[in-house]
């Protein structure tokens, strides 16, 4: 493929630009009606995508389908799952890696036969068997009640979100705690109430050199040393084979991850697996993998109505590039998904917050939107005023479930709490789209035409959670494929690390009264602390 394979070089792009000049008017009752809501639905892997409240028409959907074909989005997805080297920038130094987070859950129907994918799945399978044996041993001995997970970024956000999402399945004698921030108060708050003799610590760093993780690990070890406990009997590493953390003298067990799994795509690897299996049992983790794998297969479907990630990506590109909306709110109507928007925020913004194409050229169109969100109905009483009547239009991606997790609900005034929750979700989607005219009082006028779609499932189970996770992973990847950017590196994270290390050196030099390091901007800011 040549350097022209970016969004602005497809014939469908021009067609979509024309259609975007006069998008459908959802405030017109003849447009937003029952037939439309029934028609614009898609379903796969136990999830429904309801998009009748998006500003799309048959013409728009046809042009978006052409865009998917012209950009070879499905071929790129197949290449990714087959293990082709797609994490690269042509003609420039880059990571030059495969992208195979799908391989760590390819243990079910229709596994990939491509050699690279097959090899990766075999390696992942060895870690799965190791984890199964390890959890069985822990269950038999029953000598650990708490697990502290130390990691940052993708080694924290995804695992933490999934732990909270499945907390109703937690074994009664097991507790999990998370330390991510290098702020010492984060670790101190966790360790002050733990019985260290019954505590495991899982340290996650693929390279074995992540500053925040290594710092927090040393803090954690100091607590065990002060308690006169052998740290090697309590610490577990999740790291790359051969890294400085792959050391049996320091760790009770080491589980491996590979350079073909990016941190934000690593929840279904050992990064999430060790903690999830400890808390919920191996079978729960296995069900999560099964659900993710099913969505991996759905992402290869040529029919868009059965390919939810591709459909979600196309709707996102329509809103971002053609209607010009710069942000997207993820609003789960499920308290269990409390931290899920934070995980999707990293997944999306770290993947698609790029201005350079896969061929090293500056793109002249918008790429990743700003992602944010909170659970409903709490969000309605926080920022929905702006979403309904603010000057900026903010598309939303709602998530909801027919049934609650605990199945402990109350019939009050004729409806259950879950029905009230869903009523609020549906009302927001309709109200944002349809609006409400008030010619007598402009302050009570709701302009409408604020797009959204809804992802619906029966219940938030481990399997459905896996499918939901993979939906977002593949949605993000499809958007990157269509834009023609590399969604799998994160150079923007590296600059901050380099500068932080310079300032850390300055702090160390000040303490040792050595020569100041050559970074005057950092030195000036450090001096501001002296007057506090």
Protein backbone atom coordinates (compact mmCIF):
# COMPACT_ATOMS: atom_id res chain seq x y z
CA UNK A 1 0.00 0.00 0.00
CA UNK A 2 1.16 3.53 -0.76
CA UNK A 3 1.21 6.69 1.29
CA UNK A 4 -2.20 7.76 0.01
CA UNK A 5 -4.15 5.35 2.22
CA UNK A 6 -5.42 7.90 4.72
CA UNK A 7 -8.91 9.25 5.29
CA UNK A 8 -8.54 12.24 2.97
CA UNK A 9 -7.69 10.12 -0.08
CA UNK A 10 -10.83 7.96 -0.33
CA UNK A 11 -13.68 8.67 -2.74
CA UNK A 12 -16.18 7.91 0.02
CA UNK A 13 -14.73 10.78 2.07
CA UNK A 14 -15.88 13.36 -0.48
CA UNK A 15 -19.33 11.79 -0.56
CA UNK A 16 -19.56 11.89 3.24
CA UNK A 17 -18.46 15.54 3.30
CA UNK A 18 -21.37 16.38 1.01
CA UNK A 19 -23.83 14.40 3.13
CA UNK A 20 -22.57 16.08 6.31
CA UNK A 21 -23.65 19.48 5.00
CA UNK A 22 -27.27 18.49 5.58
CA UNK A 23 -27.37 15.72 8.22
CA UNK A 24 -30.69 14.22 9.16
CA UNK A 25 -32.80 16.23 11.59
CA UNK A 26 -33.62 14.04 14.58
CA UNK A 27 -35.92 16.72 15.97
CA UNK A 28 -38.36 15.97 13.13
CA UNK A 29 -40.91 13.42 14.43
CA UNK A 30 -41.19 11.96 10.94
CA UNK A 31 -37.47 11.10 11.14
CA UNK A 32 -37.07 9.92 14.73
CA UNK A 33 -39.91 7.42 14.97
CA UNK A 34 -40.51 3.86 16.12
CA UNK A 35 -39.66 2.39 12.73
CA UNK A 36 -36.25 4.08 12.75
CA UNK A 37 -35.39 2.83 16.23
CA UNK A 38 -36.41 -0.72 15.26
CA UNK A 39 -34.45 -0.58 12.00
CA UNK A 40 -31.13 0.82 13.15
CA UNK A 41 -29.96 -2.05 15.35
CA UNK A 42 -27.12 -4.54 15.10
CA UNK A 43 -26.28 -7.55 17.25
CA UNK A 44 -23.33 -9.83 18.00
CA UNK A 45 -21.85 -11.74 20.94
CA UNK A 46 -24.79 -11.08 23.25
CA UNK A 47 -24.65 -7.32 22.69
CA UNK A 48 -26.99 -5.07 20.73
CA UNK A 49 -25.97 -1.74 19.23
CA UNK A 50 -28.93 0.63 18.90
CA UNK A 51 -28.03 3.60 16.71
CA UNK A 52 -31.34 5.12 15.65
CA UNK A 53 -30.41 8.22 17.65
CA UNK A 54 -27.29 8.85 15.54
CA UNK A 55 -27.54 11.42 12.73
CA UNK A 56 -27.25 8.85 9.96
CA UNK A 57 -29.37 7.94 6.95
CA UNK A 58 -29.28 5.06 4.49
CA UNK A 59 -27.11 7.23 2.23
CA UNK A 60 -24.69 7.97 5.06
CA UNK A 61 -24.49 4.32 6.08
CA UNK A 62 -23.85 3.26 2.47
CA UNK A 63 -21.05 5.82 2.15
CA UNK A 64 -19.55 4.71 5.47
CA UNK A 65 -19.62 1.12 4.21
CA UNK A 66 -17.78 2.27 1.08
CA UNK A 67 -15.23 4.00 3.31
CA UNK A 68 -14.63 0.74 5.19
CA UNK A 69 -14.11 -1.08 1.89
CA UNK A 70 -11.86 1.55 0.33
CA UNK A 71 -9.69 1.74 3.44
CA UNK A 72 -9.47 -2.08 3.56
CA UNK A 73 -10.43 -1.96 7.22
CA UNK A 74 -11.32 -5.65 7.38
CA UNK A 75 -8.09 -6.66 5.67
CA UNK A 76 -6.13 -4.66 8.23
CA UNK A 77 -8.02 -6.39 11.05
CA UNK A 78 -7.25 -9.79 9.55
CA UNK A 79 -3.59 -8.84 9.18
CA UNK A 80 -3.49 -7.74 12.81
CA UNK A 81 -5.03 -10.97 14.09
CA UNK A 82 -2.73 -13.01 11.84
CA UNK A 83 0.32 -11.39 13.40
CA UNK A 84 1.62 -9.20 10.61
CA UNK A 85 4.01 -6.48 11.73
CA UNK A 86 1.66 -3.48 11.78
CA UNK A 87 3.01 -1.51 14.75
CA UNK A 88 5.39 0.60 12.69
CA UNK A 89 5.90 3.87 10.81
CA UNK A 90 7.14 3.22 7.29
CA UNK A 91 10.57 4.73 6.61
CA UNK A 92 11.21 5.86 10.20
CA UNK A 93 12.57 4.25 13.37
CA UNK A 94 9.61 2.72 15.19
CA UNK A 95 8.65 -0.27 17.31
CA UNK A 96 8.23 -2.65 14.32
CA UNK A 97 6.13 -5.16 16.25
CA UNK A 98 3.20 -7.45 15.79
CA UNK A 99 -0.09 -6.62 17.53
CA UNK A 100 -1.46 -9.85 18.96
CA UNK A 101 -3.56 -9.20 22.04
CA UNK A 102 -6.16 -11.40 20.30
CA UNK A 103 -3.76 -14.36 20.49
CA UNK A 104 -3.92 -14.53 24.30
CA UNK A 105 -7.61 -15.53 24.07
CA UNK A 106 -7.54 -17.58 20.87
CA UNK A 107 -8.24 -20.88 22.64
CA UNK A 108 -11.80 -21.48 21.48
CA UNK A 109 -13.63 -21.88 18.15
CA UNK A 110 -11.98 -20.98 14.83
CA UNK A 111 -8.42 -20.23 16.03
CA UNK A 112 -6.08 -18.33 13.70
CA UNK A 113 -3.88 -20.61 11.61
CA UNK A 114 -1.29 -18.01 10.58
CA UNK A 115 2.15 -19.06 11.92
CA UNK A 116 2.82 -15.89 13.94
CA UNK A 117 -0.61 -15.97 15.58
CA UNK A 118 -0.36 -19.70 16.24
CA UNK A 119 3.04 -19.32 17.91
CA UNK A 120 1.79 -16.44 20.06
CA UNK A 121 -1.25 -18.44 21.17
CA UNK A 122 0.97 -21.38 22.09
CA UNK A 123 3.15 -19.10 24.23
CA UNK A 124 0.07 -17.58 25.85
CA UNK A 125 -1.31 -21.07 26.47
CA UNK A 126 1.78 -21.98 28.47
CA UNK A 127 1.15 -19.00 30.75
CA UNK A 128 -2.52 -19.96 31.07
CA UNK A 129 -1.55 -23.44 32.25
CA UNK A 130 1.01 -21.98 34.65
CA UNK A 131 -1.65 -19.65 36.06
CA UNK A 132 -4.14 -22.49 36.43
CA UNK A 133 -1.62 -24.53 38.45
CA UNK A 134 -0.64 -21.52 40.55
CA UNK A 135 -4.24 -20.67 41.46
CA UNK A 136 -4.97 -24.32 42.31
CA UNK A 137 -2.00 -24.32 44.67
CA UNK A 138 -3.15 -21.09 46.32
CA UNK A 139 -6.66 -22.46 46.74
CA UNK A 140 -5.37 -25.66 48.31
CA UNK A 141 -3.09 -23.92 50.81
CA UNK A 142 -5.49 -21.02 51.44
CA UNK A 143 -2.65 -19.02 52.98
CA UNK A 144 -3.25 -15.71 51.17
CA UNK A 145 -6.28 -13.49 51.64
CA UNK A 146 -5.12 -10.24 50.01
CA UNK A 147 -3.43 -9.31 46.76
CA UNK A 148 -1.88 -5.93 46.03
CA UNK A 149 -1.45 -5.15 42.34
CA UNK A 150 1.27 -2.65 41.45
CA UNK A 151 1.28 -1.24 37.93
CA UNK A 152 0.49 1.90 36.00
CA UNK A 153 -1.30 2.83 32.79
CA UNK A 154 -2.47 -0.29 31.01
CA UNK A 155 -1.15 -2.36 33.90
CA UNK A 156 -3.67 -0.70 36.19
CA UNK A 157 -6.61 0.93 34.39
CA UNK A 158 -7.90 -2.13 32.54
CA UNK A 159 -7.38 -4.68 35.33
CA UNK A 160 -8.86 -2.33 37.93
CA UNK A 161 -11.93 -1.59 35.78
CA UNK A 162 -12.53 -5.30 35.22
CA UNK A 163 -12.07 -6.17 38.89
CA UNK A 164 -14.68 -3.59 39.89
CA UNK A 165 -16.98 -4.79 37.10
CA UNK A 166 -16.96 -8.36 38.44
CA UNK A 167 -16.63 -7.65 42.16
CA UNK A 168 -19.98 -9.31 42.84
CA UNK A 169 -18.25 -12.64 42.01
CA UNK A 170 -15.37 -12.08 44.43
CA UNK A 171 -14.48 -14.99 46.69
CA UNK A 172 -15.46 -14.09 50.23
CA UNK A 173 -11.97 -14.75 51.58
CA UNK A 174 -10.10 -12.79 48.90
CA UNK A 175 -9.49 -9.04 48.61
CA UNK A 176 -7.64 -7.07 45.93
CA UNK A 177 -5.98 -3.65 46.24
CA UNK A 178 -4.34 -1.45 43.59
CA UNK A 179 -1.34 0.86 43.71
CA UNK A 180 -0.54 2.86 40.59
CA UNK A 181 0.41 6.42 41.44
CA UNK A 182 3.99 7.13 42.46
CA UNK A 183 2.46 9.38 45.14
CA UNK A 184 3.67 7.67 48.38
CA UNK A 185 0.27 8.20 49.98
CA UNK A 186 -1.22 5.74 47.49
CA UNK A 187 0.90 2.87 48.85
CA UNK A 188 0.71 4.00 52.48
CA UNK A 189 -3.09 3.98 52.43
CA UNK A 190 -3.15 0.40 51.13
CA UNK A 191 -0.56 -1.16 53.44
CA UNK A 192 -1.66 0.40 56.72
CA UNK A 193 -4.43 -2.17 57.31
CA UNK A 194 -3.08 -5.36 55.69
CA UNK A 195 -2.04 -8.60 57.33
CA UNK A 196 1.24 -8.88 55.42
CA UNK A 197 1.70 -12.53 56.32
CA UNK A 198 -1.37 -13.30 54.18
CA UNK A 199 -0.68 -10.80 51.39
CA UNK A 200 0.62 -11.30 47.85
CA UNK A 201 2.01 -8.45 45.75
CA UNK A 202 1.82 -8.62 41.95
CA UNK A 203 4.23 -6.24 40.21
CA UNK A 204 3.51 -5.60 36.53
CA UNK A 205 6.04 -4.15 34.10
CA UNK A 206 6.71 -5.61 30.67
CA UNK A 207 10.15 -4.02 30.46
CA UNK A 208 10.94 -4.43 34.14
CA UNK A 209 12.07 -0.79 34.18
CA UNK A 210 8.86 1.22 34.71
CA UNK A 211 9.85 3.91 37.20
CA UNK A 212 6.54 4.21 39.04
CA UNK A 213 6.16 0.44 39.38
CA UNK A 214 9.74 -0.14 40.57
CA UNK A 215 9.43 2.70 43.08
CA UNK A 216 6.18 1.36 44.50
CA UNK A 217 7.57 -2.16 44.55
CA UNK A 218 10.48 -1.01 46.72
CA UNK A 219 8.05 0.74 49.05
CA UNK A 220 6.00 -2.45 49.26
CA UNK A 221 9.07 -4.57 49.95
CA UNK A 222 10.06 -2.25 52.79
CA UNK A 223 6.81 -3.07 54.61
CA UNK A 224 7.51 -6.81 54.38
CA UNK A 225 11.14 -6.40 55.42
CA UNK A 226 10.12 -4.34 58.44
CA UNK A 227 7.65 -7.11 59.34
CA UNK A 228 10.54 -9.62 59.08
CA UNK A 229 8.87 -11.51 56.22
CA UNK A 230 10.69 -13.01 53.22
CA UNK A 231 9.70 -10.90 50.23
CA UNK A 232 10.42 -13.72 47.78
CA UNK A 233 7.54 -15.67 49.30
CA UNK A 234 5.06 -12.85 48.72
CA UNK A 235 5.99 -11.11 45.46
CA UNK A 236 4.92 -12.13 41.94
CA UNK A 237 6.21 -10.63 38.69
CA UNK A 238 4.28 -10.13 35.46
CA UNK A 239 6.96 -9.12 33.01
CA UNK A 240 8.84 -9.87 29.82
CA UNK A 241 10.94 -13.01 29.75
CA UNK A 242 14.52 -12.10 30.62
CA UNK A 243 13.71 -8.67 32.06
CA UNK A 244 15.29 -7.56 35.34
CA UNK A 245 12.06 -8.62 37.07
CA UNK A 246 12.32 -12.18 35.72
CA UNK A 247 14.27 -13.29 38.78
CA UNK A 248 13.29 -16.39 40.80
CA UNK A 249 15.43 -15.15 43.70
CA UNK A 250 13.14 -12.15 44.13
CA UNK A 251 9.74 -13.52 43.11
CA UNK A 252 7.56 -16.43 44.13
CA UNK A 253 6.47 -16.78 40.49
CA UNK A 254 6.96 -14.96 37.19
CA UNK A 255 4.29 -14.77 34.50
CA UNK A 256 5.27 -13.60 31.06
CA UNK A 257 3.97 -11.02 28.61
CA UNK A 258 5.46 -10.11 25.24
CA UNK A 259 6.27 -7.06 23.15
CA UNK A 260 3.35 -7.87 20.84
CA UNK A 261 0.87 -6.85 23.56
CA UNK A 262 0.53 -3.14 24.26
CA UNK A 263 -0.25 -2.19 27.85
CA UNK A 264 -3.69 -0.78 27.06
CA UNK A 265 -4.56 -4.02 25.25
CA UNK A 266 -3.19 -6.31 27.96
CA UNK A 267 -6.12 -6.97 30.32
CA UNK A 268 -6.77 -10.45 28.89
CA UNK A 269 -3.10 -11.40 29.24
CA UNK A 270 -1.37 -12.26 32.50
CA UNK A 271 -1.47 -8.53 33.30
CA UNK A 272 -5.12 -8.92 34.25
CA UNK A 273 -5.22 -12.69 34.50
CA UNK A 274 -3.22 -13.23 37.70
CA UNK A 275 -5.27 -10.75 39.71
CA UNK A 276 -8.64 -11.74 38.24
CA UNK A 277 -8.03 -15.47 38.76
CA UNK A 278 -6.93 -14.85 42.36
CA UNK A 279 -10.03 -12.78 43.14
CA UNK A 280 -12.71 -14.69 41.25
CA UNK A 281 -11.26 -18.07 40.31
CA UNK A 282 -9.70 -19.24 37.07
CA UNK A 283 -13.05 -20.07 35.41
CA UNK A 284 -14.22 -16.46 35.64
CA UNK A 285 -11.07 -15.31 33.84
CA UNK A 286 -11.57 -18.07 31.26
CA UNK A 287 -15.12 -16.86 30.59
CA UNK A 288 -13.79 -13.33 30.10
CA UNK A 289 -11.37 -14.67 27.48
CA UNK A 290 -14.17 -16.58 25.77
CA UNK A 291 -16.29 -13.45 25.43
CA UNK A 292 -13.37 -11.42 24.09
CA UNK A 293 -12.56 -14.15 21.56
CA UNK A 294 -16.13 -14.17 20.27
CA UNK A 295 -15.89 -10.44 19.57
CA UNK A 296 -12.49 -10.99 17.91
CA UNK A 297 -14.28 -13.24 15.44
CA UNK A 298 -17.13 -10.75 15.01
CA UNK A 299 -14.55 -8.08 14.09
CA UNK A 300 -13.69 -10.17 11.01
CA UNK A 301 -17.31 -10.32 9.79
CA UNK A 302 -17.76 -8.71 6.35
CA UNK A 303 -21.41 -7.86 7.09
CA UNK A 304 -21.37 -4.61 9.07
CA UNK A 305 -24.64 -5.39 10.85
CA UNK A 306 -22.83 -8.33 12.51
CA UNK A 307 -19.54 -6.49 13.00
CA UNK A 308 -20.26 -4.24 15.97
CA UNK A 309 -16.71 -2.84 16.33
CA UNK A 310 -16.61 -1.76 12.68
CA UNK A 311 -20.06 -0.20 12.91
CA UNK A 312 -19.08 1.63 16.11
CA UNK A 313 -15.89 2.88 14.44
CA UNK A 314 -17.76 4.16 11.38
CA UNK A 315 -20.27 6.00 13.57
CA UNK A 316 -17.34 7.50 15.47
CA UNK A 317 -15.65 8.68 12.28
CA UNK A 318 -18.93 10.17 11.00
CA UNK A 319 -19.26 12.18 14.22
CA UNK A 320 -15.57 13.13 14.48
CA UNK A 321 -14.56 13.88 10.91
CA UNK A 322 -17.75 14.85 9.12
CA UNK A 323 -20.01 16.37 11.77
CA UNK A 324 -16.99 17.83 13.56
CA UNK A 325 -17.58 16.74 17.16
CA UNK A 326 -14.28 16.71 19.10
CA UNK A 327 -15.22 14.59 22.11
CA UNK A 328 -17.10 11.43 23.09
CA UNK A 329 -18.67 10.60 26.45
CA UNK A 330 -18.83 6.96 27.56
CA UNK A 331 -21.81 6.63 29.92
CA UNK A 332 -22.44 3.16 31.40
CA UNK A 333 -25.74 2.79 33.22
CA UNK A 334 -24.09 0.27 35.51
CA UNK A 335 -22.28 1.08 38.74
CA UNK A 336 -20.13 -2.00 38.13
CA UNK A 337 -18.59 -0.16 35.16
CA UNK A 338 -17.53 2.72 37.40
CA UNK A 339 -13.93 2.70 36.11
CA UNK A 340 -14.62 1.42 32.62
CA UNK A 341 -14.68 4.92 31.02
CA UNK A 342 -11.19 5.57 32.43
CA UNK A 343 -9.92 2.39 30.77
CA UNK A 344 -11.55 3.29 27.44
CA UNK A 345 -10.12 6.79 27.79
CA UNK A 346 -6.59 5.38 27.81
CA UNK A 347 -7.36 2.74 25.19
CA UNK A 348 -8.74 5.29 22.74
CA UNK A 349 -6.68 8.40 23.41
CA UNK A 350 -3.32 6.66 23.71
CA UNK A 351 -4.06 4.66 20.56
CA UNK A 352 -5.53 7.31 18.29
CA UNK A 353 -4.18 10.57 19.68
CA UNK A 354 -1.84 10.78 16.69
CA UNK A 355 -1.04 13.42 14.05
CA UNK A 356 1.30 11.34 11.88
CA UNK A 357 0.20 8.71 9.37
CA UNK A 358 1.62 5.20 9.15
CA UNK A 359 3.96 6.63 6.51
CA UNK A 360 5.32 9.43 8.67
CA UNK A 361 3.30 12.24 7.11
CA UNK A 362 1.33 14.88 9.00
CA UNK A 363 -2.40 14.22 8.58
CA UNK A 364 -4.64 17.19 7.76
CA UNK A 365 -7.81 15.83 9.35
CA UNK A 366 -8.92 15.18 12.92
CA UNK A 367 -8.07 11.85 14.58
CA UNK A 368 -8.89 10.59 18.08
CA UNK A 369 -11.55 12.43 20.08
CA UNK A 370 -11.31 13.34 23.75
CA UNK A 371 -12.85 10.43 25.70
CA UNK A 372 -14.42 10.84 29.13
CA UNK A 373 -17.40 9.65 31.11
CA UNK A 374 -19.08 8.58 34.33
CA UNK A 375 -21.82 6.10 35.19
CA UNK A 376 -25.48 7.05 34.89
CA UNK A 377 -27.68 8.13 36.50
CA UNK A 378 -25.03 9.99 38.53
CA UNK A 379 -23.78 11.64 35.33
CA UNK A 380 -27.22 13.14 34.69
CA UNK A 381 -26.90 15.14 37.91
CA UNK A 382 -23.35 16.22 37.10
CA UNK A 383 -22.69 17.31 33.50
CA UNK A 384 -25.77 16.42 31.44
CA UNK A 385 -26.94 20.04 31.67
CA UNK A 386 -24.09 20.94 29.32
CA UNK A 387 -24.76 17.95 27.08
CA UNK A 388 -28.43 18.93 26.64
CA UNK A 389 -28.12 22.72 26.38
CA UNK A 390 -24.44 23.63 26.13
CA UNK A 391 -22.87 25.26 23.09
CA UNK A 392 -20.78 22.17 22.28
CA UNK A 393 -22.36 19.00 20.89
CA UNK A 394 -21.01 15.90 22.63
CA UNK A 395 -21.86 12.46 21.20
CA UNK A 396 -22.44 9.71 23.74
CA UNK A 397 -21.94 5.97 23.86
CA UNK A 398 -24.37 4.54 26.41
CA UNK A 399 -24.00 1.05 27.93
CA UNK A 400 -26.83 -0.74 29.71
CA UNK A 401 -28.05 -4.16 30.85
CA UNK A 402 -31.48 -5.73 31.13
CA UNK A 403 -30.70 -7.43 34.45
CA UNK A 404 -28.70 -6.40 37.50
CA UNK A 405 -25.72 -8.45 38.66
CA UNK A 406 -26.81 -9.25 42.21
CA UNK A 407 -30.44 -9.88 41.22
CA UNK A 408 -31.53 -8.15 44.44
CA UNK A 409 -34.02 -5.54 43.32
CA UNK A 410 -37.15 -3.96 44.73
CA UNK A 411 -40.49 -3.31 43.09
CA UNK A 412 -41.35 0.27 44.04
CA UNK A 413 -44.21 2.29 42.55
CA UNK A 414 -44.76 -0.38 39.93
CA UNK A 415 -41.20 -0.79 38.60
CA UNK A 416 -37.87 -2.24 39.70
CA UNK A 417 -34.73 -0.18 40.23
CA UNK A 418 -33.18 -1.75 37.13
CA UNK A 419 -36.19 -0.65 35.07
CA UNK A 420 -35.84 2.86 36.48
CA UNK A 421 -32.15 2.81 35.55
CA UNK A 422 -32.91 1.73 31.98
CA UNK A 423 -35.76 4.25 31.74
CA UNK A 424 -33.26 7.01 32.44
CA UNK A 425 -30.84 5.65 29.84
CA UNK A 426 -33.49 5.44 27.12
CA UNK A 427 -34.89 8.85 28.06
CA UNK A 428 -31.50 10.50 27.70
CA UNK A 429 -30.89 9.02 24.24
CA UNK A 430 -34.34 10.11 23.02
CA UNK A 431 -34.24 13.53 24.69
CA UNK A 432 -30.79 14.39 23.38
CA UNK A 433 -31.81 13.43 19.85
CA UNK A 434 -35.35 14.81 19.68
CA UNK A 435 -34.92 17.85 21.90
CA UNK A 436 -37.92 19.86 22.99
CA UNK A 437 -38.91 23.18 21.47
CA UNK A 438 -40.09 26.00 23.72
CA UNK A 439 -40.81 29.22 21.86
CA UNK A 440 -42.10 30.98 24.97
CA UNK A 441 -39.07 30.42 27.20
CA UNK A 442 -35.68 30.09 25.45
CA UNK A 443 -34.09 28.93 28.70
CA UNK A 444 -36.27 25.83 28.56
CA UNK A 445 -35.59 25.11 24.90
CA UNK A 446 -33.71 21.89 24.14
CA UNK A 447 -32.17 22.02 20.63
CA UNK A 448 -31.79 18.25 20.16
CA UNK A 449 -29.77 16.66 17.36
CA UNK A 450 -27.25 15.48 19.94
CA UNK A 451 -26.21 12.03 18.70
CA UNK A 452 -25.76 8.87 20.72
CA UNK A 453 -26.01 5.13 20.48
CA UNK A 454 -26.67 2.42 23.04
CA UNK A 455 -24.85 -0.86 23.69
CA UNK A 456 -27.25 -3.25 25.43
CA UNK A 457 -26.65 -6.63 27.03
CA UNK A 458 -28.76 -8.97 29.12
CA UNK A 459 -26.45 -8.92 32.16
CA UNK A 460 -22.87 -7.92 32.90
CA UNK A 461 -21.29 -11.37 33.17
CA UNK A 462 -17.58 -12.21 32.71
CA UNK A 463 -18.28 -13.38 29.15
CA UNK A 464 -20.25 -10.26 28.23
CA UNK A 465 -17.57 -8.09 29.83
CA UNK A 466 -14.98 -9.79 27.63
CA UNK A 467 -17.06 -9.08 24.54
CA UNK A 468 -17.55 -5.47 25.61
CA UNK A 469 -13.80 -5.02 26.16
CA UNK A 470 -12.96 -6.48 22.74
CA UNK A 471 -15.66 -4.35 21.11
CA UNK A 472 -13.87 -1.20 22.25
CA UNK A 473 -10.40 -2.58 21.43
CA UNK A 474 -11.44 -3.35 17.86
CA UNK A 475 -13.50 -0.19 17.44
CA UNK A 476 -10.39 1.84 18.27
CA UNK A 477 -8.25 -0.25 15.91
CA UNK A 478 -10.73 0.11 13.04
CA UNK A 479 -10.76 3.89 13.45
CA UNK A 480 -6.96 3.90 13.28
CA UNK A 481 -6.95 1.70 10.17
CA UNK A 482 -9.39 4.04 8.39
CA UNK A 483 -7.49 7.17 9.43
CA UNK A 484 -4.23 5.55 8.35
CA UNK A 485 -2.43 6.03 11.67
CA UNK A 486 -0.57 3.63 13.95
CA UNK A 487 -2.86 2.91 16.90
CA UNK A 488 -0.32 0.74 18.71
CA UNK A 489 2.58 2.95 19.78
CA UNK A 490 2.64 5.81 22.30
CA UNK A 491 5.54 8.14 21.59
CA UNK A 492 3.67 10.95 23.36
CA UNK A 493 4.10 9.11 26.67
CA UNK A 494 7.87 8.86 26.26
CA UNK A 495 8.73 12.58 26.21
CA UNK A 496 7.29 13.14 29.68
CA UNK A 497 9.26 10.17 31.01
CA UNK A 498 12.54 11.55 29.63
CA UNK A 499 11.98 15.01 31.11
CA UNK A 500 10.80 13.59 34.44
CA UNK A 501 14.02 11.58 34.71
CA UNK A 502 16.04 14.77 34.20
CA UNK A 503 14.16 16.49 37.02
CA UNK A 504 14.51 13.41 39.24
CA UNK A 505 18.27 13.65 38.70
CA UNK A 506 18.13 17.29 39.78
CA UNK A 507 16.35 16.37 43.02
CA UNK A 508 19.02 13.72 43.65
CA UNK A 509 21.82 16.20 42.93
CA UNK A 510 20.34 18.76 45.31
CA UNK A 511 20.17 16.12 48.05
CA UNK A 512 23.79 15.02 47.50
CA UNK A 513 25.02 18.60 46.96
CA UNK A 514 26.49 17.59 43.65
CA UNK A 515 26.64 19.64 40.49
CA UNK A 516 23.26 20.69 39.10
CA UNK A 517 22.21 18.79 36.03
CA UNK A 518 21.79 20.69 32.79
CA UNK A 519 18.06 21.29 32.70
CA UNK A 520 17.48 24.88 33.86
CA UNK A 521 13.72 24.84 33.24
CA UNK A 522 13.29 22.00 35.70
CA UNK A 523 15.64 23.65 38.19
CA UNK A 524 13.53 26.83 38.22
CA UNK A 525 10.38 24.86 39.01
CA UNK A 526 12.09 22.89 41.78
CA UNK A 527 13.13 26.18 43.41
CA UNK A 528 9.47 27.15 43.68
CA UNK A 529 9.16 24.44 46.34
CA UNK A 530 11.66 26.21 48.61
CA UNK A 531 9.21 28.98 49.50
CA UNK A 532 6.35 26.65 50.43
